[in-house]
PDB file of all heavy atoms in Angstrom:
ATOM      1  N   ALA A   1      81.882 295.047 360.383  1.00  0.00           N
ATOM      2  CA  ALA A   1      82.033 296.247 359.572  1.00  0.00           C
ATOM      3  C   ALA A   1      80.784 296.711 358.837  1.00  0.00           C
ATOM      4  O   ALA A   1      80.687 297.775 358.311  1.00  0.00           O
ATOM      5  CB  ALA A   1      83.115 295.942 358.392  1.00  0.00           C
ATOM      6  N   ALA A   2      79.621 295.989 358.950  1.00  0.00           N
ATOM      7  CA  ALA A   2      78.506 296.194 357.958  1.00  0.00           C
ATOM      8  C   ALA A   2      77.981 297.597 358.096  1.00  0.00           C
ATOM      9  O   ALA A   2      77.524 298.104 356.995  1.00  0.00           O
ATOM     10  CB  ALA A   2      77.359 295.150 358.412  1.00  0.00           C
ATOM     11  N   GLY A   3      77.925 298.286 359.259  1.00  0.00           N
ATOM     12  CA  GLY A   3      77.391 299.539 359.236  1.00  0.00           C
ATOM     13  C   GLY A   3      78.389 300.606 359.284  1.00  0.00           C
ATOM     14  O   GLY A   3      78.035 301.884 359.508  1.00  0.00           O
ATOM     15  N   PHE A   4      79.619 300.413 358.945  1.00  0.00           N
ATOM     16  CA  PHE A   4      80.787 301.286 359.121  1.00  0.00           C
ATOM     17  C   PHE A   4      81.544 301.576 357.777  1.00  0.00           C
ATOM     18  O   PHE A   4      82.352 302.430 357.680  1.00  0.00           O
ATOM     19  CB  PHE A   4      81.695 300.957 360.239  1.00  0.00           C
ATOM     20  CG  PHE A   4      81.100 300.896 361.548  1.00  0.00           C
ATOM     21  CD1 PHE A   4      81.162 299.684 362.208  1.00  0.00           C
ATOM     22  CD2 PHE A   4      80.446 301.896 362.134  1.00  0.00           C
ATOM     23  CE1 PHE A   4      80.680 299.567 363.518  1.00  0.00           C
ATOM     24  CE2 PHE A   4      79.873 301.805 363.374  1.00  0.00           C
ATOM     25  CZ  PHE A   4      79.958 300.684 364.030  1.00  0.00           C
ATOM     26  N   VAL A   5      81.179 300.679 356.734  1.00  0.00           N
ATOM     27  CA  VAL A   5      81.871 300.759 355.605  1.00  0.00           C
ATOM     28  C   VAL A   5      81.025 300.948 354.248  1.00  0.00           C
ATOM     29  O   VAL A   5      79.741 300.715 354.482  1.00  0.00           O
ATOM     30  CB  VAL A   5      82.767 299.484 355.314  1.00  0.00           C
ATOM     31  CG1 VAL A   5      83.851 299.335 356.475  1.00  0.00           C
ATOM     32  CG2 VAL A   5      81.959 298.251 355.061  1.00  0.00           C
ATOM     33  N   GLY A   6      81.484 301.224 353.064  1.00  0.00           N
ATOM     34  CA  GLY A   6      80.689 301.346 351.924  1.00  0.00           C
ATOM     35  C   GLY A   6      80.586 300.073 351.127  1.00  0.00           C
ATOM     36  O   GLY A   6      81.384 299.115 351.392  1.00  0.00           O
ATOM     37  N   PRO A   7      79.738 300.042 350.158  1.00  0.00           N
ATOM     38  CA  PRO A   7      79.549 298.807 349.410  1.00  0.00           C
ATOM     39  C   PRO A   7      80.771 298.303 348.641  1.00  0.00           C
ATOM     40  O   PRO A   7      81.015 297.094 348.462  1.00  0.00           O
ATOM     41  CB  PRO A   7      78.431 299.223 348.388  1.00  0.00           C
ATOM     42  CG  PRO A   7      77.713 300.233 349.072  1.00  0.00           C
ATOM     43  CD  PRO A   7      78.675 301.009 349.782  1.00  0.00           C
ATOM     44  N   VAL A   8      81.667 299.222 348.083  1.00  0.00           N
ATOM     45  CA  VAL A   8      82.847 298.795 347.367  1.00  0.00           C
ATOM     46  C   VAL A   8      83.826 298.114 348.366  1.00  0.00           C
ATOM     47  O   VAL A   8      84.452 297.125 348.046  1.00  0.00           O
ATOM     48  CB  VAL A   8      83.539 300.026 346.714  1.00  0.00           C
ATOM     49  CG1 VAL A   8      84.872 299.630 346.145  1.00  0.00           C
ATOM     50  CG2 VAL A   8      82.604 300.461 345.553  1.00  0.00           C
ATOM     51  N   ASP A   9      83.883 298.691 349.598  1.00  0.00           N
ATOM     52  CA  ASP A   9      84.668 298.081 350.662  1.00  0.00           C
ATOM     53  C   ASP A   9      84.297 296.604 350.982  1.00  0.00           C
ATOM     54  O   ASP A   9      84.996 295.790 351.234  1.00  0.00           O
ATOM     55  CB  ASP A   9      84.695 298.886 351.944  1.00  0.00           C
ATOM     56  CG  ASP A   9      85.038 300.317 351.829  1.00  0.00           C
ATOM     57  OD1 ASP A   9      86.042 300.623 351.000  1.00  0.00           O
ATOM     58  OD2 ASP A   9      84.421 301.217 352.267  1.00  0.00           O
ATOM     59  N   SER A  10      82.883 296.413 350.891  1.00  0.00           N
ATOM     60  CA  SER A  10      82.411 295.097 351.095  1.00  0.00           C
ATOM     61  C   SER A  10      82.889 294.097 350.149  1.00  0.00           C
ATOM     62  O   SER A  10      82.962 292.907 350.376  1.00  0.00           O
ATOM     63  CB  SER A  10      80.879 295.193 351.197  1.00  0.00           C
ATOM     64  OG  SER A  10      80.487 296.004 352.231  1.00  0.00           O
ATOM     65  N   LEU A  11      83.095 294.542 348.886  1.00  0.00           N
ATOM     66  CA  LEU A  11      83.572 293.662 347.830  1.00  0.00           C
ATOM     67  C   LEU A  11      84.990 293.152 348.333  1.00  0.00           C
ATOM     68  O   LEU A  11      85.192 291.917 348.267  1.00  0.00           O
ATOM     69  CB  LEU A  11      83.832 294.410 346.507  1.00  0.00           C
ATOM     70  CG  LEU A  11      82.561 294.785 345.764  1.00  0.00           C
ATOM     71  CD1 LEU A  11      82.901 295.700 344.589  1.00  0.00           C
ATOM     72  CD2 LEU A  11      81.865 293.546 345.193  1.00  0.00           C
ATOM     73  N   TRP A  12      85.803 294.054 348.801  1.00  0.00           N
ATOM     74  CA  TRP A  12      87.163 293.618 349.259  1.00  0.00           C
ATOM     75  C   TRP A  12      87.066 292.684 350.482  1.00  0.00           C
ATOM     76  O   TRP A  12      87.770 291.678 350.557  1.00  0.00           O
ATOM     77  CB  TRP A  12      88.027 294.759 349.519  1.00  0.00           C
ATOM     78  CG  TRP A  12      88.450 295.601 348.368  1.00  0.00           C
ATOM     79  CD1 TRP A  12      87.949 296.772 347.854  1.00  0.00           C
ATOM     80  CD2 TRP A  12      89.491 295.216 347.379  1.00  0.00           C
ATOM     81  NE1 TRP A  12      88.552 297.211 346.641  1.00  0.00           N
ATOM     82  CE2 TRP A  12      89.514 296.180 346.318  1.00  0.00           C
ATOM     83  CE3 TRP A  12      90.254 294.119 347.278  1.00  0.00           C
ATOM     84  CZ2 TRP A  12      90.473 296.154 345.328  1.00  0.00           C
ATOM     85  CZ3 TRP A  12      91.299 294.068 346.230  1.00  0.00           C
ATOM     86  CH2 TRP A  12      91.277 294.990 345.278  1.00  0.00           C
ATOM     87  N   ILE A  13      86.238 293.068 351.441  1.00  0.00           N
ATOM     88  CA  ILE A  13      86.126 292.227 352.644  1.00  0.00           C
ATOM     89  C   ILE A  13      85.657 290.802 352.325  1.00  0.00           C
ATOM     90  O   ILE A  13      86.142 289.879 352.840  1.00  0.00           O
ATOM     91  CB  ILE A  13      85.230 292.973 353.595  1.00  0.00           C
ATOM     92  CG1 ILE A  13      85.902 294.241 354.197  1.00  0.00           C
ATOM     93  CG2 ILE A  13      84.826 292.019 354.850  1.00  0.00           C
ATOM     94  CD1 ILE A  13      84.987 295.083 355.005  1.00  0.00           C
ATOM     95  N   GLY A  14      84.644 290.783 351.441  1.00  0.00           N
ATOM     96  CA  GLY A  14      84.069 289.397 351.060  1.00  0.00           C
ATOM     97  C   GLY A  14      85.160 288.640 350.313  1.00  0.00           C
ATOM     98  O   GLY A  14      85.281 287.347 350.639  1.00  0.00           O
ATOM     99  N   MET A  15      85.947 289.188 349.394  1.00  0.00           N
ATOM    100  CA  MET A  15      86.877 288.495 348.611  1.00  0.00           C
ATOM    101  C   MET A  15      87.991 288.008 349.547  1.00  0.00           C
ATOM    102  O   MET A  15      88.432 286.854 349.525  1.00  0.00           O
ATOM    103  CB  MET A  15      87.439 289.377 347.531  1.00  0.00           C
ATOM    104  CG  MET A  15      88.445 288.621 346.631  1.00  0.00           C
ATOM    105  SD  MET A  15      89.223 289.823 345.488  1.00  0.00           S
ATOM    106  CE  MET A  15      90.347 290.746 346.601  1.00  0.00           C
ATOM    107  N   LEU A  16      88.510 288.911 350.481  1.00  0.00           N
ATOM    108  CA  LEU A  16      89.540 288.472 351.341  1.00  0.00           C
ATOM    109  C   LEU A  16      89.117 287.366 352.347  1.00  0.00           C
ATOM    110  O   LEU A  16      89.824 286.463 352.571  1.00  0.00           O
ATOM    111  CB  LEU A  16      90.021 289.684 352.097  1.00  0.00           C
ATOM    112  CG  LEU A  16      90.868 290.776 351.240  1.00  0.00           C
ATOM    113  CD1 LEU A  16      91.025 291.972 352.027  1.00  0.00           C
ATOM    114  CD2 LEU A  16      92.117 290.173 350.866  1.00  0.00           C
ATOM    115  N   ALA A  17      87.825 287.475 352.726  1.00  0.00           N
ATOM    116  CA  ALA A  17      87.332 286.422 353.619  1.00  0.00           C
ATOM    117  C   ALA A  17      87.323 285.115 352.942  1.00  0.00           C
ATOM    118  O   ALA A  17      87.803 284.067 353.568  1.00  0.00           O
ATOM    119  CB  ALA A  17      85.940 286.890 354.085  1.00  0.00           C
ATOM    120  N   GLY A  18      86.819 284.983 351.680  1.00  0.00           N
ATOM    121  CA  GLY A  18      86.847 283.773 350.990  1.00  0.00           C
ATOM    122  C   GLY A  18      88.116 283.159 350.791  1.00  0.00           C
ATOM    123  O   GLY A  18      88.364 281.941 351.153  1.00  0.00           O
ATOM    124  N   VAL A  19      89.215 284.013 350.608  1.00  0.00           N
ATOM    125  CA  VAL A  19      90.550 283.378 350.399  1.00  0.00           C
ATOM    126  C   VAL A  19      91.217 283.032 351.746  1.00  0.00           C
ATOM    127  O   VAL A  19      91.755 281.939 351.906  1.00  0.00           O
ATOM    128  CB  VAL A  19      91.401 284.412 349.689  1.00  0.00           C
ATOM    129  CG1 VAL A  19      92.858 283.855 349.586  1.00  0.00           C
ATOM    130  CG2 VAL A  19      90.880 284.685 348.247  1.00  0.00           C
ATOM    131  N   LEU A  20      91.059 283.883 352.708  1.00  0.00           N
ATOM    132  CA  LEU A  20      91.659 283.674 354.029  1.00  0.00           C
ATOM    133  C   LEU A  20      91.100 282.523 354.717  1.00  0.00           C
ATOM    134  O   LEU A  20      91.819 281.690 355.368  1.00  0.00           O
ATOM    135  CB  LEU A  20      91.619 285.016 354.907  1.00  0.00           C
ATOM    136  CG  LEU A  20      92.432 286.199 354.404  1.00  0.00           C
ATOM    137  CD1 LEU A  20      92.165 287.385 355.259  1.00  0.00           C
ATOM    138  CD2 LEU A  20      93.909 285.798 354.464  1.00  0.00           C
ATOM    139  N   CYS A  21      89.677 282.352 354.755  1.00  0.00           N
ATOM    140  CA  CYS A  21      89.036 281.301 355.356  1.00  0.00           C
ATOM    141  C   CYS A  21      89.297 279.978 354.705  1.00  0.00           C
ATOM    142  O   CYS A  21      89.445 278.970 355.391  1.00  0.00           O
ATOM    143  CB  CYS A  21      87.551 281.549 355.511  1.00  0.00           C
ATOM    144  SG  CYS A  21      87.118 282.933 356.682  1.00  0.00           S
ATOM    145  N   TYR A  22      89.482 280.026 353.375  1.00  0.00           N
ATOM    146  CA  TYR A  22      89.898 278.716 352.638  1.00  0.00           C
ATOM    147  C   TYR A  22      91.232 278.315 353.180  1.00  0.00           C
ATOM    148  O   TYR A  22      91.464 277.133 353.463  1.00  0.00           O
ATOM    149  CB  TYR A  22      89.929 279.034 351.154  1.00  0.00           C
ATOM    150  CG  TYR A  22      90.350 277.780 350.388  1.00  0.00           C
ATOM    151  CD1 TYR A  22      89.384 276.828 349.989  1.00  0.00           C
ATOM    152  CD2 TYR A  22      91.668 277.598 350.015  1.00  0.00           C
ATOM    153  CE1 TYR A  22      89.788 275.663 349.315  1.00  0.00           C
ATOM    154  CE2 TYR A  22      92.147 276.536 349.252  1.00  0.00           C
ATOM    155  CZ  TYR A  22      91.181 275.542 348.960  1.00  0.00           C
ATOM    156  OH  TYR A  22      91.535 274.417 348.213  1.00  0.00           O
ATOM    157  N   ALA A  23      92.103 279.246 353.301  1.00  0.00           N
ATOM    158  CA  ALA A  23      93.468 278.867 353.815  1.00  0.00           C
ATOM    159  C   ALA A  23      93.446 278.455 355.245  1.00  0.00           C
ATOM    160  O   ALA A  23      94.075 277.596 355.702  1.00  0.00           O
ATOM    161  CB  ALA A  23      94.377 280.181 353.637  1.00  0.00           C
ATOM    162  N   GLY A  24      92.517 279.081 356.082  1.00  0.00           N
ATOM    163  CA  GLY A  24      92.327 278.788 357.465  1.00  0.00           C
ATOM    164  C   GLY A  24      91.880 277.318 357.644  1.00  0.00           C
ATOM    165  O   GLY A  24      92.280 276.643 358.593  1.00  0.00           O
ATOM    166  N   VAL A  25      90.925 276.832 356.724  1.00  0.00           N
ATOM    167  CA  VAL A  25      90.492 275.478 356.810  1.00  0.00           C
ATOM    168  C   VAL A  25      91.660 274.575 356.482  1.00  0.00           C
ATOM    169  O   VAL A  25      91.759 273.437 356.997  1.00  0.00           O
ATOM    170  CB  VAL A  25      89.399 275.351 355.732  1.00  0.00           C
ATOM    171  CG1 VAL A  25      89.024 273.810 355.498  1.00  0.00           C
ATOM    172  CG2 VAL A  25      88.129 276.048 356.341  1.00  0.00           C
ATOM    173  N   LEU A  26      92.553 274.879 355.613  1.00  0.00           N
ATOM    174  CA  LEU A  26      93.710 273.992 355.331  1.00  0.00           C
ATOM    175  C   LEU A  26      94.621 273.839 356.548  1.00  0.00           C
ATOM    176  O   LEU A  26      95.302 272.811 356.532  1.00  0.00           O
ATOM    177  CB  LEU A  26      94.487 274.482 354.136  1.00  0.00           C
ATOM    178  CG  LEU A  26      93.796 274.632 352.828  1.00  0.00           C
ATOM    179  CD1 LEU A  26      94.714 275.181 351.759  1.00  0.00           C
ATOM    180  CD2 LEU A  26      93.211 273.272 352.329  1.00  0.00           C
ATOM    181  N   LEU A  27      94.615 274.707 357.561  1.00  0.00           N
ATOM    182  CA  LEU A  27      95.485 274.591 358.621  1.00  0.00           C
ATOM    183  C   LEU A  27      95.289 273.354 359.437  1.00  0.00           C
ATOM    184  O   LEU A  27      96.224 272.761 359.969  1.00  0.00           O
ATOM    185  CB  LEU A  27      95.250 275.786 359.556  1.00  0.00           C
ATOM    186  CG  LEU A  27      95.910 277.153 359.228  1.00  0.00           C
ATOM    187  CD1 LEU A  27      95.497 278.179 360.216  1.00  0.00           C
ATOM    188  CD2 LEU A  27      97.410 277.050 359.140  1.00  0.00           C
ATOM    189  N   LYS A  28      94.048 272.836 359.441  1.00  0.00           N
ATOM    190  CA  LYS A  28      93.751 271.675 360.279  1.00  0.00           C
ATOM    191  C   LYS A  28      94.461 270.414 359.708  1.00  0.00           C
ATOM    192  O   LYS A  28      94.859 269.518 360.476  1.00  0.00           O
ATOM    193  CB  LYS A  28      92.187 271.385 360.497  1.00  0.00           C
ATOM    194  CG  LYS A  28      91.516 270.972 359.207  1.00  0.00           C
ATOM    195  CD  LYS A  28      90.041 270.734 359.471  1.00  0.00           C
ATOM    196  CE  LYS A  28      89.350 270.348 358.296  1.00  0.00           C
ATOM    197  NZ  LYS A  28      87.894 270.107 358.597  1.00  0.00           N
ATOM    198  N   HIS A  29      94.634 270.401 358.398  1.00  0.00           N
ATOM    199  CA  HIS A  29      95.279 269.332 357.777  1.00  0.00           C
ATOM    200  C   HIS A  29      96.853 269.290 358.000  1.00  0.00           C
ATOM    201  O   HIS A  29      97.540 268.340 358.276  1.00  0.00           O
ATOM    202  CB  HIS A  29      94.974 269.113 356.271  1.00  0.00           C
ATOM    203  CG  HIS A  29      93.517 269.130 356.005  1.00  0.00           C
ATOM    204  ND1 HIS A  29      92.754 268.015 356.339  1.00  0.00           N
ATOM    205  CD2 HIS A  29      92.708 270.041 355.395  1.00  0.00           C
ATOM    206  CE1 HIS A  29      91.475 268.167 355.984  1.00  0.00           C
ATOM    207  NE2 HIS A  29      91.492 269.363 355.361  1.00  0.00           N
ATOM    208  N   ARG A  30      97.363 270.560 357.987  1.00  0.00           N
ATOM    209  CA  ARG A  30      98.750 270.794 358.291  1.00  0.00           C
ATOM    210  C   ARG A  30      99.146 270.556 359.729  1.00  0.00           C
ATOM    211  O   ARG A  30     100.194 270.014 359.955  1.00  0.00           O
ATOM    212  CB  ARG A  30      99.149 272.179 357.868  1.00  0.00           C
ATOM    213  CG  ARG A  30      99.114 272.349 356.269  1.00  0.00           C
ATOM    214  CD  ARG A  30      99.683 273.694 355.928  1.00  0.00           C
ATOM    215  NE  ARG A  30      99.729 273.851 354.464  1.00  0.00           N
ATOM    216  CZ  ARG A  30     100.770 273.501 353.747  1.00  0.00           C
ATOM    217  NH1 ARG A  30     101.758 272.847 354.363  1.00  0.00           N
ATOM    218  NH2 ARG A  30     100.797 273.657 352.389  1.00  0.00           N
ATOM    219  N   LEU A  31      98.268 270.996 360.699  1.00  0.00           N
ATOM    220  CA  LEU A  31      98.598 270.975 362.039  1.00  0.00           C
ATOM    221  C   LEU A  31      97.976 269.719 362.827  1.00  0.00           C
ATOM    222  O   LEU A  31      98.346 269.445 363.910  1.00  0.00           O
ATOM    223  CB  LEU A  31      98.155 272.259 362.867  1.00  0.00           C
ATOM    224  CG  LEU A  31      98.727 273.541 362.196  1.00  0.00           C
ATOM    225  CD1 LEU A  31      98.186 274.805 362.904  1.00  0.00           C
ATOM    226  CD2 LEU A  31     100.249 273.546 362.228  1.00  0.00           C
ATOM    227  N   GLY A  32      97.088 269.007 362.157  1.00  0.00           N
ATOM    228  CA  GLY A  32      96.666 267.737 362.661  1.00  0.00           C
ATOM    229  C   GLY A  32      95.510 267.800 363.676  1.00  0.00           C
ATOM    230  O   GLY A  32      95.168 266.791 364.235  1.00  0.00           O
ATOM    231  N   TYR A  33      94.881 269.036 363.917  1.00  0.00           N
ATOM    232  CA  TYR A  33      93.685 268.987 364.833  1.00  0.00           C
ATOM    233  C   TYR A  33      92.498 268.737 364.073  1.00  0.00           C
ATOM    234  O   TYR A  33      92.446 268.826 362.861  1.00  0.00           O
ATOM    235  CB  TYR A  33      93.667 270.319 365.584  1.00  0.00           C
ATOM    236  CG  TYR A  33      93.418 271.605 364.761  1.00  0.00           C
ATOM    237  CD1 TYR A  33      92.195 271.970 364.351  1.00  0.00           C
ATOM    238  CD2 TYR A  33      94.511 272.371 364.298  1.00  0.00           C
ATOM    239  CE1 TYR A  33      92.003 273.070 363.515  1.00  0.00           C
ATOM    240  CE2 TYR A  33      94.360 273.440 363.453  1.00  0.00           C
ATOM    241  CZ  TYR A  33      93.169 273.797 363.060  1.00  0.00           C
ATOM    242  OH  TYR A  33      92.942 274.907 362.290  1.00  0.00           O
ATOM    243  N   ASP A  34      91.363 268.387 364.666  1.00  0.00           N
ATOM    244  CA  ASP A  34      90.185 267.958 364.054  1.00  0.00           C
ATOM    245  C   ASP A  34      89.033 268.967 364.311  1.00  0.00           C
ATOM    246  O   ASP A  34      88.209 268.735 365.274  1.00  0.00           O
ATOM    247  CB  ASP A  34      89.827 266.516 364.482  1.00  0.00           C
ATOM    248  CG  ASP A  34      88.553 265.959 363.694  1.00  0.00           C
ATOM    249  OD1 ASP A  34      88.139 266.593 362.756  1.00  0.00           O
ATOM    250  OD2 ASP A  34      88.001 264.978 364.184  1.00  0.00           O
ATOM    251  N   ASP A  35      88.972 270.056 363.568  1.00  0.00           N
ATOM    252  CA  ASP A  35      87.884 270.986 363.692  1.00  0.00           C
ATOM    253  C   ASP A  35      86.887 270.391 362.576  1.00  0.00           C
ATOM    254  O   ASP A  35      86.886 270.709 361.440  1.00  0.00           O
ATOM    255  CB  ASP A  35      88.403 272.356 363.233  1.00  0.00           C
ATOM    256  CG  ASP A  35      87.322 273.396 363.137  1.00  0.00           C
ATOM    257  OD1 ASP A  35      86.211 273.131 363.623  1.00  0.00           O
ATOM    258  OD2 ASP A  35      87.671 274.580 362.789  1.00  0.00           O
ATOM    259  N   ALA A  36      86.018 269.624 363.147  1.00  0.00           N
ATOM    260  CA  ALA A  36      85.134 268.764 362.184  1.00  0.00           C
ATOM    261  C   ALA A  36      84.442 269.525 361.137  1.00  0.00           C
ATOM    262  O   ALA A  36      84.419 269.148 359.904  1.00  0.00           O
ATOM    263  CB  ALA A  36      84.109 267.966 363.121  1.00  0.00           C
ATOM    264  N   LEU A  37      83.738 270.606 361.472  1.00  0.00           N
ATOM    265  CA  LEU A  37      83.010 271.335 360.515  1.00  0.00           C
ATOM    266  C   LEU A  37      83.566 272.826 360.322  1.00  0.00           C
ATOM    267  O   LEU A  37      82.798 273.740 359.857  1.00  0.00           O
ATOM    268  CB  LEU A  37      81.513 271.462 360.979  1.00  0.00           C
ATOM    269  CG  LEU A  37      80.889 270.125 361.331  1.00  0.00           C
ATOM    270  CD1 LEU A  37      79.432 270.270 361.828  1.00  0.00           C
ATOM    271  CD2 LEU A  37      80.982 269.086 360.211  1.00  0.00           C
ATOM    272  N   ASP A  38      84.801 273.040 360.513  1.00  0.00           N
ATOM    273  CA  ASP A  38      85.601 274.262 360.380  1.00  0.00           C
ATOM    274  C   ASP A  38      85.024 275.472 361.079  1.00  0.00           C
ATOM    275  O   ASP A  38      84.935 276.624 360.409  1.00  0.00           O
ATOM    276  CB  ASP A  38      85.532 274.430 358.825  1.00  0.00           C
ATOM    277  CG  ASP A  38      86.317 273.299 358.044  1.00  0.00           C
ATOM    278  OD1 ASP A  38      87.331 272.915 358.477  1.00  0.00           O
ATOM    279  OD2 ASP A  38      85.732 272.827 356.957  1.00  0.00           O
ATOM    280  N   ALA A  39      84.685 275.341 362.318  1.00  0.00           N
ATOM    281  CA  ALA A  39      84.166 276.423 363.013  1.00  0.00           C
ATOM    282  C   ALA A  39      85.262 277.371 363.256  1.00  0.00           C
ATOM    283  O   ALA A  39      84.991 278.686 363.179  1.00  0.00           O
ATOM    284  CB  ALA A  39      83.645 275.965 364.421  1.00  0.00           C
ATOM    285  N   PHE A  40      86.519 276.962 363.484  1.00  0.00           N
ATOM    286  CA  PHE A  40      87.630 277.927 363.630  1.00  0.00           C
ATOM    287  C   PHE A  40      87.949 278.542 362.234  1.00  0.00           C
ATOM    288  O   PHE A  40      88.259 279.731 362.137  1.00  0.00           O
ATOM    289  CB  PHE A  40      88.829 277.335 364.283  1.00  0.00           C
ATOM    290  CG  PHE A  40      90.083 278.174 364.153  1.00  0.00           C
ATOM    291  CD1 PHE A  40      90.178 279.249 364.963  1.00  0.00           C
ATOM    292  CD2 PHE A  40      91.100 277.807 363.426  1.00  0.00           C
ATOM    293  CE1 PHE A  40      91.362 280.112 364.924  1.00  0.00           C
ATOM    294  CE2 PHE A  40      92.295 278.605 363.328  1.00  0.00           C
ATOM    295  CZ  PHE A  40      92.347 279.806 364.110  1.00  0.00           C
ATOM    296  N   GLY A  41      88.044 277.662 361.285  1.00  0.00           N
ATOM    297  CA  GLY A  41      88.596 278.101 360.009  1.00  0.00           C
ATOM    298  C   GLY A  41      87.692 279.202 359.314  1.00  0.00           C
ATOM    299  O   GLY A  41      88.171 280.113 358.731  1.00  0.00           O
ATOM    300  N   VAL A  42      86.322 279.068 359.577  1.00  0.00           N
ATOM    301  CA  VAL A  42      85.460 280.040 359.044  1.00  0.00           C
ATOM    302  C   VAL A  42      85.175 281.133 359.960  1.00  0.00           C
ATOM    303  O   VAL A  42      85.310 282.369 359.650  1.00  0.00           O
ATOM    304  CB  VAL A  42      84.169 279.363 358.614  1.00  0.00           C
ATOM    305  CG1 VAL A  42      83.128 280.381 358.140  1.00  0.00           C
ATOM    306  CG2 VAL A  42      84.465 278.425 357.414  1.00  0.00           C
TER     307      VAL A  42
END
């Protein structure tokens, strides 16, 4: 999105990414796969 959105939009994208990727990292513990360094989660 970097060249298509405004700075205020980037605030929302960054915030949502932090929350969603944190939740994505927790998936490996719930589902039992070993994404060692969270390549999928992030």
